[in-house]
Amino acid sequence: MAAWPGSSALPQNLEYQGYIETAPDNVLRTKMGVGPDKLRRRETAAIRPFSGSMVLTTTQVHQLETFYITTLSYGVIAFNWTRPSTTVIASIRFVEPPKYSALADELWRAKMSFEELP
């Protein structure tokens, strides 16, 4: 399995500010005609979404693009990475392509959404 590029290529952590992690949504809710909704667990294991950003140089943006497009086949393939909230290596997949915004000359903010696979 692929792994997040090393520290010489890309930062190893998302920025603390703006990091968002959501508990897995693993409940199937069915509306009833009368009374409370019926709830049941959807799966035995659930996906945990999280998102954040990194400040990258132009060179690092190209390295992230190569990792996303070539190594991960446009995000189809999962990779190993340390999840920020637990510092445990997990199987991670991109939810959507990275989004870039310019901060300064040769400096970019990459916003990314991921999901930890069960």
PDB file of N, CA and C in Angstrom:
ATOM      1  N   MET A   1       0.843  -1.173   0.000  1.00  0.00           N
ATOM      2  CA  MET A   1       0.000   0.000   0.000  1.00  0.00           C
ATOM      3  C   MET A   1       0.891   1.240   0.000  1.00  0.00           C
ATOM      4  N   ALA A   2       0.446   2.249  -0.699  1.00  0.00           N
ATOM      5  CA  ALA A   2       1.175   3.516  -0.748  1.00  0.00           C
ATOM      6  C   ALA A   2       1.180   4.170   0.630  1.00  0.00           C
ATOM      7  N   ALA A   3       2.118   5.068   0.837  1.00  0.00           N
ATOM      8  CA  ALA A   3       2.202   5.824   2.086  1.00  0.00           C
ATOM      9  C   ALA A   3       2.327   7.304   1.748  1.00  0.00           C
ATOM     10  N   TRP A   4       1.885   8.148   2.672  1.00  0.00           N
ATOM     11  CA  TRP A   4       2.034   9.593   2.496  1.00  0.00           C
ATOM     12  C   TRP A   4       3.506   9.898   2.264  1.00  0.00           C
ATOM     13  N   PRO A   5       3.840  10.776   1.319  1.00  0.00           N
ATOM     14  CA  PRO A   5       5.246  11.082   1.031  1.00  0.00           C
ATOM     15  C   PRO A   5       6.008  11.545   2.276  1.00  0.00           C
ATOM     16  N   GLY A   6       7.295  11.254   2.316  1.00  0.00           N
ATOM     17  CA  GLY A   6       8.142  11.580   3.459  1.00  0.00           C
ATOM     18  C   GLY A   6       8.276  13.070   3.710  1.00  0.00           C
ATOM     19  N   SER A   7       8.858  13.400   4.845  1.00  0.00           N
ATOM     20  CA  SER A   7       8.966  14.792   5.280  1.00  0.00           C
ATOM     21  C   SER A   7       9.814  15.654   4.345  1.00  0.00           C
ATOM     22  N   SER A   8      10.673  15.037   3.560  1.00  0.00           N
ATOM     23  CA  SER A   8      11.466  15.832   2.611  1.00  0.00           C
ATOM     24  C   SER A   8      10.605  16.283   1.426  1.00  0.00           C
ATOM     25  N   ALA A   9       9.460  15.621   1.213  1.00  0.00           N
ATOM     26  CA  ALA A   9       8.589  15.980   0.098  1.00  0.00           C
ATOM     27  C   ALA A   9       7.405  16.839   0.547  1.00  0.00           C
ATOM     28  N   LEU A  10       6.705  16.400   1.578  1.00  0.00           N
ATOM     29  CA  LEU A  10       5.499  17.094   2.045  1.00  0.00           C
ATOM     30  C   LEU A  10       5.468  17.143   3.567  1.00  0.00           C
ATOM     31  N   PRO A  11       4.746  18.129   4.139  1.00  0.00           N
ATOM     32  CA  PRO A  11       4.562  18.135   5.590  1.00  0.00           C
ATOM     33  C   PRO A  11       3.887  16.837   6.043  1.00  0.00           C
ATOM     34  N   GLN A  12       4.151  16.426   7.240  1.00  0.00           N
ATOM     35  CA  GLN A  12       3.611  15.169   7.746  1.00  0.00           C
ATOM     36  C   GLN A  12       2.293  15.338   8.489  1.00  0.00           C
ATOM     37  N   ASN A  13       1.936  16.585   8.801  1.00  0.00           N
ATOM     38  CA  ASN A  13       0.711  16.841   9.552  1.00  0.00           C
ATOM     39  C   ASN A  13      -0.095  17.966   8.928  1.00  0.00           C
ATOM     40  N   LEU A  14      -1.400  17.883   9.125  1.00  0.00           N
ATOM     41  CA  LEU A  14      -2.275  18.984   8.743  1.00  0.00           C
ATOM     42  C   LEU A  14      -2.109  20.101   9.767  1.00  0.00           C
ATOM     43  N   GLU A  15      -2.421  21.327   9.370  1.00  0.00           N
ATOM     44  CA  GLU A  15      -2.355  22.439  10.306  1.00  0.00           C
ATOM     45  C   GLU A  15      -3.357  22.220  11.434  1.00  0.00           C
ATOM     46  N   TYR A  16      -2.957  22.621  12.625  1.00  0.00           N
ATOM     47  CA  TYR A  16      -3.829  22.474  13.795  1.00  0.00           C
ATOM     48  C   TYR A  16      -5.097  23.304  13.627  1.00  0.00           C
ATOM     49  N   GLN A  17      -4.923  24.569  13.241  1.00  0.00           N
ATOM     50  CA  GLN A  17      -6.076  25.445  13.065  1.00  0.00           C
ATOM     51  C   GLN A  17      -6.834  25.031  11.803  1.00  0.00           C
ATOM     52  N   GLY A  18      -8.114  24.809  11.935  1.00  0.00           N
ATOM     53  CA  GLY A  18      -8.938  24.431  10.798  1.00  0.00           C
ATOM     54  C   GLY A  18      -9.099  22.929  10.612  1.00  0.00           C
ATOM     55  N   TYR A  19      -8.424  22.123  11.442  1.00  0.00           N
ATOM     56  CA  TYR A  19      -8.575  20.674  11.356  1.00  0.00           C
ATOM     57  C   TYR A  19      -9.970  20.301  11.851  1.00  0.00           C
ATOM     58  N   ILE A  20     -10.670  19.470  11.104  1.00  0.00           N
ATOM     59  CA  ILE A  20     -12.018  19.023  11.476  1.00  0.00           C
ATOM     60  C   ILE A  20     -12.077  17.507  11.341  1.00  0.00           C
ATOM     61  N   GLU A  21     -12.581  16.874  12.371  1.00  0.00           N
ATOM     62  CA  GLU A  21     -12.789  15.430  12.342  1.00  0.00           C
ATOM     63  C   GLU A  21     -14.208  15.156  12.824  1.00  0.00           C
ATOM     64  N   THR A  22     -14.872  14.226  12.153  1.00  0.00           N
ATOM     65  CA  THR A  22     -16.247  13.894  12.490  1.00  0.00           C
ATOM     66  C   THR A  22     -16.322  12.430  12.920  1.00  0.00           C
ATOM     67  N   ALA A  23     -17.085  12.175  13.960  1.00  0.00           N
ATOM     68  CA  ALA A  23     -17.309  10.791  14.371  1.00  0.00           C
ATOM     69  C   ALA A  23     -18.036  10.063  13.238  1.00  0.00           C
ATOM     70  N   PRO A  24     -17.800   8.761  13.100  1.00  0.00           N
ATOM     71  CA  PRO A  24     -18.467   8.021  12.025  1.00  0.00           C
ATOM     72  C   PRO A  24     -19.987   8.094  12.135  1.00  0.00           C
ATOM     73  N   ASP A  25     -20.647   8.279  11.005  1.00  0.00           N
ATOM     74  CA  ASP A  25     -22.111   8.256  10.949  1.00  0.00           C
ATOM     75  C   ASP A  25     -22.505   6.861  10.490  1.00  0.00           C
ATOM     76  N   ASN A  26     -22.890   6.037  11.432  1.00  0.00           N
ATOM     77  CA  ASN A  26     -23.154   4.631  11.127  1.00  0.00           C
ATOM     78  C   ASN A  26     -24.565   4.227  11.530  1.00  0.00           C
ATOM     79  N   VAL A  27     -25.505   5.178  11.485  1.00  0.00           N
ATOM     80  CA  VAL A  27     -26.875   4.910  11.893  1.00  0.00           C
ATOM     81  C   VAL A  27     -27.790   5.099  10.701  1.00  0.00           C
ATOM     82  N   LEU A  28     -28.666   4.136  10.506  1.00  0.00           N
ATOM     83  CA  LEU A  28     -29.693   4.239   9.475  1.00  0.00           C
ATOM     84  C   LEU A  28     -30.985   4.612  10.179  1.00  0.00           C
ATOM     85  N   ARG A  29     -31.573   5.726   9.791  1.00  0.00           N
ATOM     86  CA  ARG A  29     -32.773   6.251  10.443  1.00  0.00           C
ATOM     87  C   ARG A  29     -33.955   6.060   9.504  1.00  0.00           C
ATOM     88  N   THR A  30     -35.034   5.455  10.006  1.00  0.00           N
ATOM     89  CA  THR A  30     -36.241   5.245   9.218  1.00  0.00           C
ATOM     90  C   THR A  30     -37.392   5.973   9.895  1.00  0.00           C
ATOM     91  N   LYS A  31     -38.048   6.860   9.154  1.00  0.00           N
ATOM     92  CA  LYS A  31     -39.194   7.598   9.686  1.00  0.00           C
ATOM     93  C   LYS A  31     -40.378   6.643   9.834  1.00  0.00           C
ATOM     94  N   MET A  32     -41.056   6.753  10.923  1.00  0.00           N
ATOM     95  CA  MET A  32     -42.262   5.974  11.167  1.00  0.00           C
ATOM     96  C   MET A  32     -43.472   6.886  10.979  1.00  0.00           C
ATOM     97  N   GLY A  33     -44.596   6.313  10.652  1.00  0.00           N
ATOM     98  CA  GLY A  33     -45.822   7.101  10.492  1.00  0.00           C
ATOM     99  C   GLY A  33     -46.231   7.756  11.798  1.00  0.00           C
ATOM    100  N   VAL A  34     -46.019   7.034  12.885  1.00  0.00           N
ATOM    101  CA  VAL A  34     -46.356   7.523  14.220  1.00  0.00           C
ATOM    102  C   VAL A  34     -45.243   7.095  15.159  1.00  0.00           C
ATOM    103  N   GLY A  35     -44.882   7.964  16.065  1.00  0.00           N
ATOM    104  CA  GLY A  35     -43.877   7.613  17.058  1.00  0.00           C
ATOM    105  C   GLY A  35     -42.472   7.966  16.621  1.00  0.00           C
ATOM    106  N   PRO A  36     -41.516   7.581  17.452  1.00  0.00           N
ATOM    107  CA  PRO A  36     -40.117   7.935  17.162  1.00  0.00           C
ATOM    108  C   PRO A  36     -39.564   7.159  15.960  1.00  0.00           C
ATOM    109  N   ASP A  37     -38.537   7.747  15.345  1.00  0.00           N
ATOM    110  CA  ASP A  37     -37.864   7.080  14.225  1.00  0.00           C
ATOM    111  C   ASP A  37     -37.283   5.750  14.689  1.00  0.00           C
ATOM    112  N   LYS A  38     -37.188   4.815  13.758  1.00  0.00           N
ATOM    113  CA  LYS A  38     -36.529   3.538  14.030  1.00  0.00           C
ATOM    114  C   LYS A  38     -35.061   3.699  13.647  1.00  0.00           C
ATOM    115  N   LEU A  39     -34.158   3.282  14.524  1.00  0.00           N
ATOM    116  CA  LEU A  39     -32.729   3.393  14.274  1.00  0.00           C
ATOM    117  C   LEU A  39     -32.083   2.025  14.284  1.00  0.00           C
ATOM    118  N   ARG A  40     -31.085   1.855  13.410  1.00  0.00           N
ATOM    119  CA  ARG A  40     -30.279   0.636  13.448  1.00  0.00           C
ATOM    120  C   ARG A  40     -28.888   0.963  12.936  1.00  0.00           C
ATOM    121  N   ARG A  41     -27.955   0.139  13.347  1.00  0.00           N
ATOM    122  CA  ARG A  41     -26.590   0.317  12.885  1.00  0.00           C
ATOM    123  C   ARG A  41     -26.517  -0.089  11.415  1.00  0.00           C
ATOM    124  N   ARG A  42     -25.839   0.718  10.625  1.00  0.00           N
ATOM    125  CA  ARG A  42     -25.739   0.483   9.183  1.00  0.00           C
ATOM    126  C   ARG A  42     -24.722  -0.601   8.849  1.00  0.00           C
ATOM    127  N   GLU A  43     -23.535  -0.521   9.426  1.00  0.00           N
ATOM    128  CA  GLU A  43     -22.435  -1.444   9.135  1.00  0.00           C
ATOM    129  C   GLU A  43     -21.763  -1.846  10.445  1.00  0.00           C
ATOM    130  N   THR A  44     -20.920  -2.857  10.383  1.00  0.00           N
ATOM    131  CA  THR A  44     -20.156  -3.238  11.570  1.00  0.00           C
ATOM    132  C   THR A  44     -18.985  -2.289  11.803  1.00  0.00           C
ATOM    133  N   ALA A  45     -18.521  -1.618  10.763  1.00  0.00           N
ATOM    134  CA  ALA A  45     -17.444  -0.635  10.873  1.00  0.00           C
ATOM    135  C   ALA A  45     -17.804   0.557   9.985  1.00  0.00           C
ATOM    136  N   ALA A  46     -17.348   1.734  10.355  1.00  0.00           N
ATOM    137  CA  ALA A  46     -17.741   2.930   9.614  1.00  0.00           C
ATOM    138  C   ALA A  46     -16.525   3.772   9.240  1.00  0.00           C
ATOM    139  N   ILE A  47     -16.713   4.592   8.228  1.00  0.00           N
ATOM    140  CA  ILE A  47     -15.686   5.507   7.752  1.00  0.00           C
ATOM    141  C   ILE A  47     -15.689   6.761   8.635  1.00  0.00           C
ATOM    142  N   ARG A  48     -14.487   7.256   8.972  1.00  0.00           N
ATOM    143  CA  ARG A  48     -14.345   8.469   9.792  1.00  0.00           C
ATOM    144  C   ARG A  48     -13.808   9.592   8.909  1.00  0.00           C
ATOM    145  N   PRO A  49     -14.628  10.621   8.624  1.00  0.00           N
ATOM    146  CA  PRO A  49     -14.152  11.730   7.803  1.00  0.00           C
ATOM    147  C   PRO A  49     -13.342  12.751   8.601  1.00  0.00           C
ATOM    148  N   PHE A  50     -12.347  13.343   7.940  1.00  0.00           N
ATOM    149  CA  PHE A  50     -11.604  14.457   8.524  1.00  0.00           C
ATOM    150  C   PHE A  50     -11.050  15.323   7.409  1.00  0.00           C
ATOM    151  N   SER A  51     -10.772  16.575   7.743  1.00  0.00           N
ATOM    152  CA  SER A  51     -10.263  17.496   6.733  1.00  0.00           C
ATOM    153  C   SER A  51      -9.356  18.522   7.393  1.00  0.00           C
ATOM    154  N   GLY A  52      -8.545  19.145   6.562  1.00  0.00           N
ATOM    155  CA  GLY A  52      -7.630  20.162   7.057  1.00  0.00           C
ATOM    156  C   GLY A  52      -6.831  20.741   5.910  1.00  0.00           C
ATOM    157  N   SER A  53      -5.817  21.492   6.267  1.00  0.00           N
ATOM    158  CA  SER A  53      -5.016  22.137   5.234  1.00  0.00           C
ATOM    159  C   SER A  53      -3.536  22.109   5.595  1.00  0.00           C
ATOM    160  N   MET A  54      -2.739  22.398   4.593  1.00  0.00           N
ATOM    161  CA  MET A  54      -1.285  22.497   4.727  1.00  0.00           C
ATOM    162  C   MET A  54      -0.820  23.692   3.922  1.00  0.00           C
ATOM    163  N   VAL A  55       0.216  24.350   4.397  1.00  0.00           N
ATOM    164  CA  VAL A  55       0.865  25.405   3.619  1.00  0.00           C
ATOM    165  C   VAL A  55       2.011  24.742   2.858  1.00  0.00           C
ATOM    166  N   LEU A  56       2.001  24.929   1.533  1.00  0.00           N
ATOM    167  CA  LEU A  56       2.966  24.266   0.660  1.00  0.00           C
ATOM    168  C   LEU A  56       3.673  25.263  -0.249  1.00  0.00           C
ATOM    169  N   THR A  57       4.882  24.930  -0.612  1.00  0.00           N
ATOM    170  CA  THR A  57       5.577  25.679  -1.661  1.00  0.00           C
ATOM    171  C   THR A  57       5.052  25.191  -3.012  1.00  0.00           C
ATOM    172  N   THR A  58       5.393  25.898  -4.074  1.00  0.00           N
ATOM    173  CA  THR A  58       4.982  25.469  -5.411  1.00  0.00           C
ATOM    174  C   THR A  58       5.533  24.083  -5.729  1.00  0.00           C
ATOM    175  N   THR A  59       6.759  23.813  -5.337  1.00  0.00           N
ATOM    176  CA  THR A  59       7.352  22.488  -5.549  1.00  0.00           C
ATOM    177  C   THR A  59       6.557  21.423  -4.814  1.00  0.00           C
ATOM    178  N   GLN A  60       6.156  21.699  -3.592  1.00  0.00           N
ATOM    179  CA  GLN A  60       5.375  20.727  -2.815  1.00  0.00           C
ATOM    180  C   GLN A  60       3.984  20.521  -3.409  1.00  0.00           C
ATOM    181  N   VAL A  61       3.407  21.573  -3.991  1.00  0.00           N
ATOM    182  CA  VAL A  61       2.111  21.427  -4.676  1.00  0.00           C
ATOM    183  C   VAL A  61       2.259  20.419  -5.812  1.00  0.00           C
ATOM    184  N   HIS A  62       3.344  20.519  -6.583  1.00  0.00           N
ATOM    185  CA  HIS A  62       3.583  19.567  -7.676  1.00  0.00           C
ATOM    186  C   HIS A  62       3.785  18.154  -7.134  1.00  0.00           C
ATOM    187  N   GLN A  63       4.456  18.029  -5.999  1.00  0.00           N
ATOM    188  CA  GLN A  63       4.659  16.705  -5.390  1.00  0.00           C
ATOM    189  C   GLN A  63       3.339  16.120  -4.904  1.00  0.00           C
ATOM    190  N   LEU A  64       2.476  16.959  -4.315  1.00  0.00           N
ATOM    191  CA  LEU A  64       1.158  16.488  -3.882  1.00  0.00           C
ATOM    192  C   LEU A  64       0.320  16.072  -5.082  1.00  0.00           C
ATOM    193  N   GLU A  65       0.375  16.852  -6.151  1.00  0.00           N
ATOM    194  CA  GLU A  65      -0.367  16.505  -7.370  1.00  0.00           C
ATOM    195  C   GLU A  65       0.098  15.164  -7.937  1.00  0.00           C
ATOM    196  N   THR A  66       1.398  14.952  -7.975  1.00  0.00           N
ATOM    197  CA  THR A  66       1.943  13.687  -8.467  1.00  0.00           C
ATOM    198  C   THR A  66       1.487  12.526  -7.589  1.00  0.00           C
ATOM    199  N   PHE A  67       1.530  12.717  -6.281  1.00  0.00           N
ATOM    200  CA  PHE A  67       1.077  11.685  -5.348  1.00  0.00           C
ATOM    201  C   PHE A  67      -0.401  11.368  -5.582  1.00  0.00           C
ATOM    202  N   TYR A  68      -1.235  12.405  -5.682  1.00  0.00           N
ATOM    203  CA  TYR A  68      -2.679  12.225  -5.857  1.00  0.00           C
ATOM    204  C   TYR A  68      -3.018  11.602  -7.222  1.00  0.00           C
ATOM    205  N   ILE A  69      -2.445  12.142  -8.294  1.00  0.00           N
ATOM    206  CA  ILE A  69      -2.804  11.704  -9.645  1.00  0.00           C
ATOM    207  C   ILE A  69      -2.121  10.394 -10.030  1.00  0.00           C
ATOM    208  N   THR A  70      -0.818  10.316  -9.837  1.00  0.00           N
ATOM    209  CA  THR A  70      -0.056   9.161 -10.313  1.00  0.00           C
ATOM    210  C   THR A  70      -0.060   8.009  -9.317  1.00  0.00           C
ATOM    211  N   THR A  71       0.382   8.278  -8.090  1.00  0.00           N
ATOM    212  CA  THR A  71       0.500   7.210  -7.097  1.00  0.00           C
ATOM    213  C   THR A  71      -0.865   6.674  -6.676  1.00  0.00           C
ATOM    214  N   LEU A  72      -1.817   7.584  -6.445  1.00  0.00           N
ATOM    215  CA  LEU A  72      -3.130   7.169  -5.932  1.00  0.00           C
ATOM    216  C   LEU A  72      -4.192   7.078  -7.021  1.00  0.00           C
ATOM    217  N   SER A  73      -3.788   7.211  -8.269  1.00  0.00           N
ATOM    218  CA  SER A  73      -4.718   7.092  -9.391  1.00  0.00           C
ATOM    219  C   SER A  73      -5.940   8.009  -9.202  1.00  0.00           C
ATOM    220  N   TYR A  74      -5.658   9.299  -9.046  1.00  0.00           N
ATOM    221  CA  TYR A  74      -6.683  10.330  -8.822  1.00  0.00           C
ATOM    222  C   TYR A  74      -7.479  10.089  -7.542  1.00  0.00           C
ATOM    223  N   GLY A  75      -6.832   9.581  -6.531  1.00  0.00           N
ATOM    224  CA  GLY A  75      -7.464   9.395  -5.231  1.00  0.00           C
ATOM    225  C   GLY A  75      -8.224   8.101  -5.057  1.00  0.00           C
ATOM    226  N   VAL A  76      -8.174   7.227  -6.045  1.00  0.00           N
ATOM    227  CA  VAL A  76      -8.895   5.951  -5.969  1.00  0.00           C
ATOM    228  C   VAL A  76      -8.243   5.003  -4.956  1.00  0.00           C
ATOM    229  N   ILE A  77      -6.924   5.031  -4.885  1.00  0.00           N
ATOM    230  CA  ILE A  77      -6.181   4.102  -4.035  1.00  0.00           C
ATOM    231  C   ILE A  77      -5.978   4.717  -2.646  1.00  0.00           C
ATOM    232  N   ALA A  78      -6.173   3.911  -1.618  1.00  0.00           N
ATOM    233  CA  ALA A  78      -5.936   4.353  -0.235  1.00  0.00           C
ATOM    234  C   ALA A  78      -4.435   4.344   0.055  1.00  0.00           C
ATOM    235  N   PHE A  79      -4.044   5.041   1.103  1.00  0.00           N
ATOM    236  CA  PHE A  79      -2.640   5.102   1.495  1.00  0.00           C
ATOM    237  C   PHE A  79      -2.540   5.093   3.009  1.00  0.00           C
ATOM    238  N   ASN A  80      -1.373   4.773   3.521  1.00  0.00           N
ATOM    239  CA  ASN A  80      -1.137   4.791   4.968  1.00  0.00           C
ATOM    240  C   ASN A  80      -0.655   6.165   5.384  1.00  0.00           C
ATOM    241  N   TRP A  81      -1.223   6.649   6.492  1.00  0.00           N
ATOM    242  CA  TRP A  81      -0.837   7.947   7.029  1.00  0.00           C
ATOM    243  C   TRP A  81      -1.227   7.996   8.489  1.00  0.00           C
ATOM    244  N   THR A  82      -0.541   8.777   9.259  1.00  0.00           N
ATOM    245  CA  THR A  82      -0.858   8.910  10.673  1.00  0.00           C
ATOM    246  C   THR A  82      -2.020   9.881  10.835  1.00  0.00           C
ATOM    247  N   ARG A  83      -3.131   9.366  11.380  1.00  0.00           N
ATOM    248  CA  ARG A  83      -4.298  10.228  11.601  1.00  0.00           C
ATOM    249  C   ARG A  83      -3.970  11.228  12.706  1.00  0.00           C
ATOM    250  N   PRO A  84      -4.220  12.514  12.475  1.00  0.00           N
ATOM    251  CA  PRO A  84      -3.786  13.555  13.413  1.00  0.00           C
ATOM    252  C   PRO A  84      -4.295  13.399  14.842  1.00  0.00           C
ATOM    253  N   SER A  85      -5.534  13.008  15.033  1.00  0.00           N
ATOM    254  CA  SER A  85      -6.097  12.993  16.385  1.00  0.00           C
ATOM    255  C   SER A  85      -5.626  11.822  17.234  1.00  0.00           C
ATOM    256  N   THR A  86      -5.139  10.769  16.607  1.00  0.00           N
ATOM    257  CA  THR A  86      -4.749   9.582  17.377  1.00  0.00           C
ATOM    258  C   THR A  86      -3.268   9.243  17.264  1.00  0.00           C
ATOM    259  N   THR A  87      -2.591   9.814  16.291  1.00  0.00           N
ATOM    260  CA  THR A  87      -1.196   9.496  15.957  1.00  0.00           C
ATOM    261  C   THR A  87      -0.994   8.010  15.674  1.00  0.00           C
ATOM    262  N   VAL A  88      -2.032   7.342  15.202  1.00  0.00           N
ATOM    263  CA  VAL A  88      -1.980   5.938  14.811  1.00  0.00           C
ATOM    264  C   VAL A  88      -1.988   5.871  13.286  1.00  0.00           C
ATOM    265  N   ILE A  89      -1.168   5.003  12.726  1.00  0.00           N
ATOM    266  CA  ILE A  89      -1.151   4.832  11.270  1.00  0.00           C
ATOM    267  C   ILE A  89      -2.457   4.166  10.846  1.00  0.00           C
ATOM    268  N   ALA A  90      -3.106   4.771   9.854  1.00  0.00           N
ATOM    269  CA  ALA A  90      -4.407   4.289   9.398  1.00  0.00           C
ATOM    270  C   ALA A  90      -4.443   4.252   7.878  1.00  0.00           C
ATOM    271  N   SER A  91      -5.412   3.537   7.349  1.00  0.00           N
ATOM    272  CA  SER A  91      -5.652   3.496   5.916  1.00  0.00           C
ATOM    273  C   SER A  91      -6.560   4.679   5.574  1.00  0.00           C
ATOM    274  N   ILE A  92      -6.042   5.583   4.735  1.00  0.00           N
ATOM    275  CA  ILE A  92      -6.705   6.850   4.427  1.00  0.00           C
ATOM    276  C   ILE A  92      -6.972   6.939   2.932  1.00  0.00           C
ATOM    277  N   ARG A  93      -8.053   7.637   2.589  1.00  0.00           N
ATOM    278  CA  ARG A  93      -8.373   7.871   1.179  1.00  0.00           C
ATOM    279  C   ARG A  93      -8.855   9.314   1.018  1.00  0.00           C
ATOM    280  N   PHE A  94      -8.491   9.948  -0.090  1.00  0.00           N
ATOM    281  CA  PHE A  94      -8.998  11.275  -0.399  1.00  0.00           C
ATOM    282  C   PHE A  94     -10.490  11.180  -0.692  1.00  0.00           C
ATOM    283  N   VAL A  95     -11.270  12.162  -0.242  1.00  0.00           N
ATOM    284  CA  VAL A  95     -12.693  12.238  -0.558  1.00  0.00           C
ATOM    285  C   VAL A  95     -12.896  12.989  -1.864  1.00  0.00           C
ATOM    286  N   GLU A  96     -12.042  13.986  -2.091  1.00  0.00           N
ATOM    287  CA  GLU A  96     -12.099  14.804  -3.301  1.00  0.00           C
ATOM    288  C   GLU A  96     -10.696  15.320  -3.594  1.00  0.00           C
ATOM    289  N   PRO A  97     -10.468  15.863  -4.770  1.00  0.00           N
ATOM    290  CA  PRO A  97      -9.137  16.386  -5.078  1.00  0.00           C
ATOM    291  C   PRO A  97      -8.756  17.532  -4.140  1.00  0.00           C
ATOM    292  N   PRO A  98      -7.454  17.714  -3.879  1.00  0.00           N
ATOM    293  CA  PRO A  98      -7.012  18.857  -3.076  1.00  0.00           C
ATOM    294  C   PRO A  98      -7.397  20.169  -3.764  1.00  0.00           C
ATOM    295  N   LYS A  99      -7.662  21.184  -2.948  1.00  0.00           N
ATOM    296  CA  LYS A  99      -7.989  22.521  -3.461  1.00  0.00           C
ATOM    297  C   LYS A  99      -6.886  23.465  -3.000  1.00  0.00           C
ATOM    298  N   TYR A 100      -6.423  24.315  -3.900  1.00  0.00           N
ATOM    299  CA  TYR A 100      -5.299  25.191  -3.611  1.00  0.00           C
ATOM    300  C   TYR A 100      -5.727  26.650  -3.657  1.00  0.00           C
ATOM    301  N   SER A 101      -5.225  27.431  -2.716  1.00  0.00           N
ATOM    302  CA  SER A 101      -5.423  28.879  -2.761  1.00  0.00           C
ATOM    303  C   SER A 101      -4.069  29.547  -2.538  1.00  0.00           C
ATOM    304  N   ALA A 102      -3.835  30.623  -3.274  1.00  0.00           N
ATOM    305  CA  ALA A 102      -2.554  31.322  -3.201  1.00  0.00           C
ATOM    306  C   ALA A 102      -2.468  32.135  -1.911  1.00  0.00           C
ATOM    307  N   LEU A 103      -1.319  32.035  -1.241  1.00  0.00           N
ATOM    308  CA  LEU A 103      -1.066  32.817  -0.032  1.00  0.00           C
ATOM    309  C   LEU A 103      -0.080  33.945  -0.311  1.00  0.00           C
ATOM    310  N   ALA A 104       0.919  33.651  -1.115  1.00  0.00           N
ATOM    311  CA  ALA A 104       1.972  34.598  -1.477  1.00  0.00           C
ATOM    312  C   ALA A 104       2.684  34.009  -2.687  1.00  0.00           C
ATOM    313  N   ASP A 105       3.684  34.713  -3.167  1.00  0.00           N
ATOM    314  CA  ASP A 105       4.467  34.204  -4.283  1.00  0.00           C
ATOM    315  C   ASP A 105       5.117  32.880  -3.875  1.00  0.00           C
ATOM    316  N   GLU A 106       4.853  31.819  -4.616  1.00  0.00           N
ATOM    317  CA  GLU A 106       5.432  30.492  -4.368  1.00  0.00           C
ATOM    318  C   GLU A 106       4.938  29.843  -3.075  1.00  0.00           C
ATOM    319  N   LEU A 107       3.805  30.303  -2.516  1.00  0.00           N
ATOM    320  CA  LEU A 107       3.269  29.735  -1.276  1.00  0.00           C
ATOM    321  C   LEU A 107       1.767  29.512  -1.427  1.00  0.00           C
ATOM    322  N   TRP A 108       1.318  28.305  -1.093  1.00  0.00           N
ATOM    323  CA  TRP A 108      -0.067  27.893  -1.322  1.00  0.00           C
ATOM    324  C   TRP A 108      -0.647  27.231  -0.077  1.00  0.00           C
ATOM    325  N   ARG A 109      -1.974  27.313   0.073  1.00  0.00           N
ATOM    326  CA  ARG A 109      -2.677  26.537   1.084  1.00  0.00           C
ATOM    327  C   ARG A 109      -3.446  25.446   0.352  1.00  0.00           C
ATOM    328  N   ALA A 110      -3.171  24.202   0.717  1.00  0.00           N
ATOM    329  CA  ALA A 110      -3.880  23.064   0.127  1.00  0.00           C
ATOM    330  C   ALA A 110      -4.918  22.589   1.134  1.00  0.00           C
ATOM    331  N   LYS A 111      -6.200  22.636   0.743  1.00  0.00           N
ATOM    332  CA  LYS A 111      -7.275  22.133   1.583  1.00  0.00           C
ATOM    333  C   LYS A 111      -7.646  20.747   1.078  1.00  0.00           C
ATOM    334  N   MET A 112      -7.737  19.805   2.036  1.00  0.00           N
ATOM    335  CA  MET A 112      -7.957  18.409   1.663  1.00  0.00           C
ATOM    336  C   MET A 112      -8.987  17.764   2.568  1.00  0.00           C
ATOM    337  N   SER A 113      -9.778  16.870   1.988  1.00  0.00           N
ATOM    338  CA  SER A 113     -10.766  16.085   2.736  1.00  0.00           C
ATOM    339  C   SER A 113     -10.409  14.619   2.588  1.00  0.00           C
ATOM    340  N   PHE A 114     -10.438  13.903   3.707  1.00  0.00           N
ATOM    341  CA  PHE A 114     -10.048  12.498   3.739  1.00  0.00           C
ATOM    342  C   PHE A 114     -11.102  11.676   4.441  1.00  0.00           C
ATOM    343  N   GLU A 115     -10.956  10.357   4.332  1.00  0.00           N
ATOM    344  CA  GLU A 115     -11.741   9.432   5.141  1.00  0.00           C
ATOM    345  C   GLU A 115     -10.839   8.307   5.591  1.00  0.00           C
ATOM    346  N   GLU A 116     -10.946   7.984   6.879  1.00  0.00           N
ATOM    347  CA  GLU A 116     -10.217   6.841   7.408  1.00  0.00           C
ATOM    348  C   GLU A 116     -11.060   5.606   7.178  1.00  0.00           C
ATOM    349  N   LEU A 117     -10.479   4.624   6.531  1.00  0.00           N
ATOM    350  CA  LEU A 117     -11.212   3.397   6.225  1.00  0.00           C
ATOM    351  C   LEU A 117     -11.162   2.442   7.403  1.00  0.00           C
ATOM    352  N   PRO A 118     -12.216   1.667   7.601  1.00  0.00           N
ATOM    353  CA  PRO A 118     -12.232   0.712   8.715  1.00  0.00           C
ATOM    354  C   PRO A 118     -11.245  -0.424   8.522  1.00  0.00           C
TER     355      PRO A 118
END
